[in-house]
Amino acid sequence: MSKETPCIAVCMIDPKTSLCFGCGRTLPEIARWHRMDRAERLAVMAQLAARMNDAGLPQPGMAESAKSD
């Protein structure tokens, strides 16, 4: 893919938080992603882990490791 993206092809929006379960972005962020410059995309991506944590959503890949425990 030519542009940095946090997308992991799990495109479902949490109705409580309005965040994507797969990447943590909002619908407006997803919609304008291709129009963002690199700095704006990187700034959004830098917030995603904390955003998902604050919302109580599992981080991508965390569900797999939790299952093996």
PDB file of N, CA and C in Angstrom:
ATOM      1  N   MET A   1       0.852  -1.183   0.000  1.00  0.00           N
ATOM      2  CA  MET A   1       0.000   0.000   0.000  1.00  0.00           C
ATOM      3  C   MET A   1       0.893   1.239   0.000  1.00  0.00           C
ATOM      4  N   SER A   2       0.532   2.233  -0.756  1.00  0.00           N
ATOM      5  CA  SER A   2       1.393   3.394  -0.918  1.00  0.00           C
ATOM      6  C   SER A   2       1.313   4.397   0.228  1.00  0.00           C
ATOM      7  N   LYS A   3       0.241   4.363   1.015  1.00  0.00           N
ATOM      8  CA  LYS A   3       0.094   5.310   2.124  1.00  0.00           C
ATOM      9  C   LYS A   3       0.060   4.556   3.438  1.00  0.00           C
ATOM     10  N   GLU A   4       0.686   5.118   4.433  1.00  0.00           N
ATOM     11  CA  GLU A   4       0.625   4.499   5.754  1.00  0.00           C
ATOM     12  C   GLU A   4      -0.828   4.391   6.188  1.00  0.00           C
ATOM     13  N   THR A   5      -1.149   3.259   6.775  1.00  0.00           N
ATOM     14  CA  THR A   5      -2.515   3.059   7.243  1.00  0.00           C
ATOM     15  C   THR A   5      -2.527   2.092   8.416  1.00  0.00           C
ATOM     16  N   PRO A   6      -3.387   2.330   9.394  1.00  0.00           N
ATOM     17  CA  PRO A   6      -3.519   1.397  10.498  1.00  0.00           C
ATOM     18  C   PRO A   6      -4.556   0.313  10.209  1.00  0.00           C
ATOM     19  N   CYS A   7      -5.163   0.349   9.034  1.00  0.00           N
ATOM     20  CA  CYS A   7      -6.243  -0.574   8.697  1.00  0.00           C
ATOM     21  C   CYS A   7      -5.750  -2.016   8.719  1.00  0.00           C
ATOM     22  N   ILE A   8      -6.532  -2.877   9.405  1.00  0.00           N
ATOM     23  CA  ILE A   8      -6.235  -4.305   9.421  1.00  0.00           C
ATOM     24  C   ILE A   8      -7.399  -5.093   8.832  1.00  0.00           C
ATOM     25  N   ALA A   9      -8.258  -4.417   8.084  1.00  0.00           N
ATOM     26  CA  ALA A   9      -9.403  -5.014   7.392  1.00  0.00           C
ATOM     27  C   ALA A   9     -10.419  -5.619   8.361  1.00  0.00           C
ATOM     28  N   VAL A  10     -10.561  -5.014   9.529  1.00  0.00           N
ATOM     29  CA  VAL A  10     -11.628  -5.346  10.475  1.00  0.00           C
ATOM     30  C   VAL A  10     -12.445  -4.065  10.599  1.00  0.00           C
ATOM     31  N   CYS A  11     -13.277  -3.843   9.627  1.00  0.00           N
ATOM     32  CA  CYS A  11     -13.952  -2.554   9.484  1.00  0.00           C
ATOM     33  C   CYS A  11     -15.353  -2.590  10.085  1.00  0.00           C
ATOM     34  N   MET A  12     -15.392  -2.417  11.398  1.00  0.00           N
ATOM     35  CA  MET A  12     -16.659  -2.365  12.122  1.00  0.00           C
ATOM     36  C   MET A  12     -16.569  -1.243  13.137  1.00  0.00           C
ATOM     37  N   ILE A  13     -17.587  -0.410  13.196  1.00  0.00           N
ATOM     38  CA  ILE A  13     -17.595   0.723  14.108  1.00  0.00           C
ATOM     39  C   ILE A  13     -18.309   0.350  15.401  1.00  0.00           C
ATOM     40  N   ASP A  14     -17.651   0.621  16.528  1.00  0.00           N
ATOM     41  CA  ASP A  14     -18.249   0.404  17.840  1.00  0.00           C
ATOM     42  C   ASP A  14     -19.319   1.463  18.057  1.00  0.00           C
ATOM     43  N   PRO A  15     -20.574   1.069  18.292  1.00  0.00           N
ATOM     44  CA  PRO A  15     -21.641   2.066  18.443  1.00  0.00           C
ATOM     45  C   PRO A  15     -21.490   2.950  19.680  1.00  0.00           C
ATOM     46  N   LYS A  16     -20.807   2.475  20.706  1.00  0.00           N
ATOM     47  CA  LYS A  16     -20.632   3.276  21.924  1.00  0.00           C
ATOM     48  C   LYS A  16     -19.572   4.356  21.761  1.00  0.00           C
ATOM     49  N   THR A  17     -18.477   4.026  21.085  1.00  0.00           N
ATOM     50  CA  THR A  17     -17.342   4.956  21.003  1.00  0.00           C
ATOM     51  C   THR A  17     -17.194   5.621  19.645  1.00  0.00           C
ATOM     52  N   SER A  18     -17.865   5.094  18.642  1.00  0.00           N
ATOM     53  CA  SER A  18     -17.736   5.549  17.247  1.00  0.00           C
ATOM     54  C   SER A  18     -16.334   5.333  16.696  1.00  0.00           C
ATOM     55  N   LEU A  19     -15.616   4.367  17.272  1.00  0.00           N
ATOM     56  CA  LEU A  19     -14.282   4.022  16.789  1.00  0.00           C
ATOM     57  C   LEU A  19     -14.331   2.683  16.069  1.00  0.00           C
ATOM     58  N   CYS A  20     -13.491   2.530  15.070  1.00  0.00           N
ATOM     59  CA  CYS A  20     -13.377   1.262  14.372  1.00  0.00           C
ATOM     60  C   CYS A  20     -12.738   0.240  15.309  1.00  0.00           C
ATOM     61  N   PHE A  21     -13.342  -0.942  15.422  1.00  0.00           N
ATOM     62  CA  PHE A  21     -12.789  -2.002  16.258  1.00  0.00           C
ATOM     63  C   PHE A  21     -11.406  -2.438  15.776  1.00  0.00           C
ATOM     64  N   GLY A  22     -11.158  -2.346  14.486  1.00  0.00           N
ATOM     65  CA  GLY A  22      -9.892  -2.810  13.927  1.00  0.00           C
ATOM     66  C   GLY A  22      -8.746  -1.838  14.071  1.00  0.00           C
ATOM     67  N   CYS A  23      -9.010  -0.547  13.860  1.00  0.00           N
ATOM     68  CA  CYS A  23      -7.896   0.409  13.833  1.00  0.00           C
ATOM     69  C   CYS A  23      -8.034   1.568  14.815  1.00  0.00           C
ATOM     70  N   GLY A  24      -9.244   1.817  15.314  1.00  0.00           N
ATOM     71  CA  GLY A  24      -9.426   2.901  16.268  1.00  0.00           C
ATOM     72  C   GLY A  24      -9.728   4.252  15.663  1.00  0.00           C
ATOM     73  N   ARG A  25      -9.822   4.301  14.338  1.00  0.00           N
ATOM     74  CA  ARG A  25     -10.157   5.582  13.706  1.00  0.00           C
ATOM     75  C   ARG A  25     -11.657   5.809  13.730  1.00  0.00           C
ATOM     76  N   THR A  26     -12.051   7.075  13.598  1.00  0.00           N
ATOM     77  CA  THR A  26     -13.457   7.435  13.470  1.00  0.00           C
ATOM     78  C   THR A  26     -13.848   7.369  11.997  1.00  0.00           C
ATOM     79  N   LEU A  27     -15.157   7.352  11.729  1.00  0.00           N
ATOM     80  CA  LEU A  27     -15.603   7.354  10.329  1.00  0.00           C
ATOM     81  C   LEU A  27     -15.110   8.578   9.555  1.00  0.00           C
ATOM     82  N   PRO A  28     -15.154   9.790  10.142  1.00  0.00           N
ATOM     83  CA  PRO A  28     -14.624  10.932   9.392  1.00  0.00           C
ATOM     84  C   PRO A  28     -13.130  10.791   9.074  1.00  0.00           C
ATOM     85  N   GLU A  29     -12.361  10.224   9.997  1.00  0.00           N
ATOM     86  CA  GLU A  29     -10.931  10.013   9.721  1.00  0.00           C
ATOM     87  C   GLU A  29     -10.745   9.000   8.602  1.00  0.00           C
ATOM     88  N   ILE A  30     -11.506   7.918   8.654  1.00  0.00           N
ATOM     89  CA  ILE A  30     -11.411   6.902   7.607  1.00  0.00           C
ATOM     90  C   ILE A  30     -11.793   7.502   6.256  1.00  0.00           C
ATOM     91  N   ALA A  31     -12.851   8.296   6.230  1.00  0.00           N
ATOM     92  CA  ALA A  31     -13.339   8.882   4.979  1.00  0.00           C
ATOM     93  C   ALA A  31     -12.342   9.839   4.347  1.00  0.00           C
ATOM     94  N   ARG A  32     -11.619  10.577   5.163  1.00  0.00           N
ATOM     95  CA  ARG A  32     -10.689  11.559   4.579  1.00  0.00           C
ATOM     96  C   ARG A  32      -9.240  11.086   4.578  1.00  0.00           C
ATOM     97  N   TRP A  33      -8.994   9.836   4.957  1.00  0.00           N
ATOM     98  CA  TRP A  33      -7.637   9.313   5.087  1.00  0.00           C
ATOM     99  C   TRP A  33      -6.797   9.557   3.835  1.00  0.00           C
ATOM    100  N   HIS A  34      -7.350   9.287   2.680  1.00  0.00           N
ATOM    101  CA  HIS A  34      -6.583   9.445   1.435  1.00  0.00           C
ATOM    102  C   HIS A  34      -6.291  10.910   1.107  1.00  0.00           C
ATOM    103  N   ARG A  35      -6.988  11.834   1.745  1.00  0.00           N
ATOM    104  CA  ARG A  35      -6.745  13.262   1.505  1.00  0.00           C
ATOM    105  C   ARG A  35      -5.807  13.874   2.543  1.00  0.00           C
ATOM    106  N   MET A  36      -5.533  13.138   3.618  1.00  0.00           N
ATOM    107  CA  MET A  36      -4.620  13.647   4.652  1.00  0.00           C
ATOM    108  C   MET A  36      -3.189  13.619   4.132  1.00  0.00           C
ATOM    109  N   ASP A  37      -2.392  14.581   4.584  1.00  0.00           N
ATOM    110  CA  ASP A  37      -0.974  14.487   4.254  1.00  0.00           C
ATOM    111  C   ASP A  37      -0.308  13.510   5.228  1.00  0.00           C
ATOM    112  N   ARG A  38       0.918  13.155   4.945  1.00  0.00           N
ATOM    113  CA  ARG A  38       1.625  12.145   5.730  1.00  0.00           C
ATOM    114  C   ARG A  38       1.698  12.532   7.207  1.00  0.00           C
ATOM    115  N   ALA A  39       1.985  13.777   7.499  1.00  0.00           N
ATOM    116  CA  ALA A  39       2.105  14.230   8.890  1.00  0.00           C
ATOM    117  C   ALA A  39       0.790  14.060   9.645  1.00  0.00           C
ATOM    118  N   GLU A  40      -0.327  14.370   9.006  1.00  0.00           N
ATOM    119  CA  GLU A  40      -1.618  14.223   9.669  1.00  0.00           C
ATOM    120  C   GLU A  40      -1.946  12.747   9.906  1.00  0.00           C
ATOM    121  N   ARG A  41      -1.657  11.893   8.913  1.00  0.00           N
ATOM    122  CA  ARG A  41      -1.891  10.453   9.102  1.00  0.00           C
ATOM    123  C   ARG A  41      -1.051   9.918  10.254  1.00  0.00           C
ATOM    124  N   LEU A  42       0.218  10.303  10.305  1.00  0.00           N
ATOM    125  CA  LEU A  42       1.089   9.833  11.386  1.00  0.00           C
ATOM    126  C   LEU A  42       0.623  10.347  12.745  1.00  0.00           C
ATOM    127  N   ALA A  43       0.118  11.569  12.795  1.00  0.00           N
ATOM    128  CA  ALA A  43      -0.395  12.123  14.053  1.00  0.00           C
ATOM    129  C   ALA A  43      -1.609  11.341  14.535  1.00  0.00           C
ATOM    130  N   VAL A  44      -2.506  10.989  13.625  1.00  0.00           N
ATOM    131  CA  VAL A  44      -3.675  10.191  13.999  1.00  0.00           C
ATOM    132  C   VAL A  44      -3.215   8.821  14.477  1.00  0.00           C
ATOM    133  N   MET A  45      -2.308   8.191  13.726  1.00  0.00           N
ATOM    134  CA  MET A  45      -1.843   6.855  14.101  1.00  0.00           C
ATOM    135  C   MET A  45      -1.164   6.851  15.465  1.00  0.00           C
ATOM    136  N   ALA A  46      -0.498   7.932  15.822  1.00  0.00           N
ATOM    137  CA  ALA A  46       0.171   8.015  17.117  1.00  0.00           C
ATOM    138  C   ALA A  46      -0.825   8.028  18.272  1.00  0.00           C
ATOM    139  N   GLN A  47      -2.056   8.410  18.014  1.00  0.00           N
ATOM    140  CA  GLN A  47      -3.098   8.485  19.046  1.00  0.00           C
ATOM    141  C   GLN A  47      -3.922   7.208  19.180  1.00  0.00           C
ATOM    142  N   LEU A  48      -3.844   6.316  18.223  1.00  0.00           N
ATOM    143  CA  LEU A  48      -4.797   5.211  18.156  1.00  0.00           C
ATOM    144  C   LEU A  48      -4.717   4.246  19.338  1.00  0.00           C
ATOM    145  N   ALA A  49      -3.534   3.856  19.755  1.00  0.00           N
ATOM    146  CA  ALA A  49      -3.416   2.896  20.864  1.00  0.00           C
ATOM    147  C   ALA A  49      -4.027   3.467  22.142  1.00  0.00           C
ATOM    148  N   ALA A  50      -3.696   4.707  22.472  1.00  0.00           N
ATOM    149  CA  ALA A  50      -4.247   5.334  23.675  1.00  0.00           C
ATOM    150  C   ALA A  50      -5.747   5.529  23.537  1.00  0.00           C
ATOM    151  N   ARG A  51      -6.200   5.896  22.369  1.00  0.00           N
ATOM    152  CA  ARG A  51      -7.625   6.106  22.110  1.00  0.00           C
ATOM    153  C   ARG A  51      -8.406   4.813  22.345  1.00  0.00           C
ATOM    154  N   MET A  52      -7.893   3.717  21.810  1.00  0.00           N
ATOM    155  CA  MET A  52      -8.579   2.436  21.984  1.00  0.00           C
ATOM    156  C   MET A  52      -8.523   1.976  23.440  1.00  0.00           C
ATOM    157  N   ASN A  53      -7.403   2.196  24.086  1.00  0.00           N
ATOM    158  CA  ASN A  53      -7.263   1.856  25.504  1.00  0.00           C
ATOM    159  C   ASN A  53      -8.259   2.656  26.343  1.00  0.00           C
ATOM    160  N   ASP A  54      -8.319   3.956  26.113  1.00  0.00           N
ATOM    161  CA  ASP A  54      -9.243   4.826  26.856  1.00  0.00           C
ATOM    162  C   ASP A  54     -10.703   4.420  26.640  1.00  0.00           C
ATOM    163  N   ALA A  55     -11.002   3.900  25.448  1.00  0.00           N
ATOM    164  CA  ALA A  55     -12.367   3.487  25.123  1.00  0.00           C
ATOM    165  C   ALA A  55     -12.668   2.069  25.612  1.00  0.00           C
ATOM    166  N   GLY A  56     -11.645   1.371  26.121  1.00  0.00           N
ATOM    167  CA  GLY A  56     -11.842   0.006  26.590  1.00  0.00           C
ATOM    168  C   GLY A  56     -11.927  -1.011  25.469  1.00  0.00           C
ATOM    169  N   LEU A  57     -11.422  -0.652  24.297  1.00  0.00           N
ATOM    170  CA  LEU A  57     -11.429  -1.563  23.158  1.00  0.00           C
ATOM    171  C   LEU A  57     -10.106  -2.320  23.105  1.00  0.00           C
ATOM    172  N   PRO A  58     -10.135  -3.594  22.720  1.00  0.00           N
ATOM    173  CA  PRO A  58      -8.889  -4.353  22.630  1.00  0.00           C
ATOM    174  C   PRO A  58      -8.016  -3.842  21.489  1.00  0.00           C
ATOM    175  N   GLN A  59      -6.722  -3.867  21.705  1.00  0.00           N
ATOM    176  CA  GLN A  59      -5.779  -3.498  20.652  1.00  0.00           C
ATOM    177  C   GLN A  59      -5.740  -4.619  19.622  1.00  0.00           C
ATOM    178  N   PRO A  60      -5.597  -4.291  18.336  1.00  0.00           N
ATOM    179  CA  PRO A  60      -5.467  -5.354  17.347  1.00  0.00           C
ATOM    180  C   PRO A  60      -4.308  -6.275  17.717  1.00  0.00           C
ATOM    181  N   GLY A  61      -4.553  -7.576  17.645  1.00  0.00           N
ATOM    182  CA  GLY A  61      -3.540  -8.561  17.992  1.00  0.00           C
ATOM    183  C   GLY A  61      -3.578  -8.956  19.456  1.00  0.00           C
ATOM    184  N   MET A  62      -4.160  -8.128  20.324  1.00  0.00           N
ATOM    185  CA  MET A  62      -4.220  -8.429  21.750  1.00  0.00           C
ATOM    186  C   MET A  62      -5.208  -9.562  22.024  1.00  0.00           C
ATOM    187  N   ALA A  63      -6.273  -9.636  21.265  1.00  0.00           N
ATOM    188  CA  ALA A  63      -7.256 -10.696  21.481  1.00  0.00           C
ATOM    189  C   ALA A  63      -6.641 -12.064  21.240  1.00  0.00           C
ATOM    190  N   GLU A  64      -5.766 -12.163  20.259  1.00  0.00           N
ATOM    191  CA  GLU A  64      -5.104 -13.429  19.965  1.00  0.00           C
ATOM    192  C   GLU A  64      -4.211 -13.865  21.114  1.00  0.00           C
ATOM    193  N   SER A  65      -3.413 -12.951  21.659  1.00  0.00           N
ATOM    194  CA  SER A  65      -2.507 -13.310  22.740  1.00  0.00           C
ATOM    195  C   SER A  65      -3.283 -13.607  24.018  1.00  0.00           C
ATOM    196  N   ALA A  66      -4.405 -12.957  24.223  1.00  0.00           N
ATOM    197  CA  ALA A  66      -5.216 -13.207  25.409  1.00  0.00           C
ATOM    198  C   ALA A  66      -5.845 -14.601  25.360  1.00  0.00           C
ATOM    199  N   LYS A  67      -6.170 -15.073  24.154  1.00  0.00           N
ATOM    200  CA  LYS A  67      -6.760 -16.394  24.006  1.00  0.00           C
ATOM    201  C   LYS A  67      -5.771 -17.489  24.375  1.00  0.00           C
ATOM    202  N   SER A  68      -4.489 -17.259  24.123  1.00  0.00           N
ATOM    203  CA  SER A  68      -3.493 -18.295  24.379  1.00  0.00           C
ATOM    204  C   SER A  68      -3.081 -18.356  25.834  1.00  0.00           C
ATOM    205  N   ASP A  69      -3.477 -17.396  26.663  1.00  0.00           N
ATOM    206  CA  ASP A  69      -3.122 -17.394  28.091  1.00  0.00           C
ATOM    207  C   ASP A  69      -3.974 -18.357  28.883  1.00  0.00           C
TER     208      ASP A  69
END
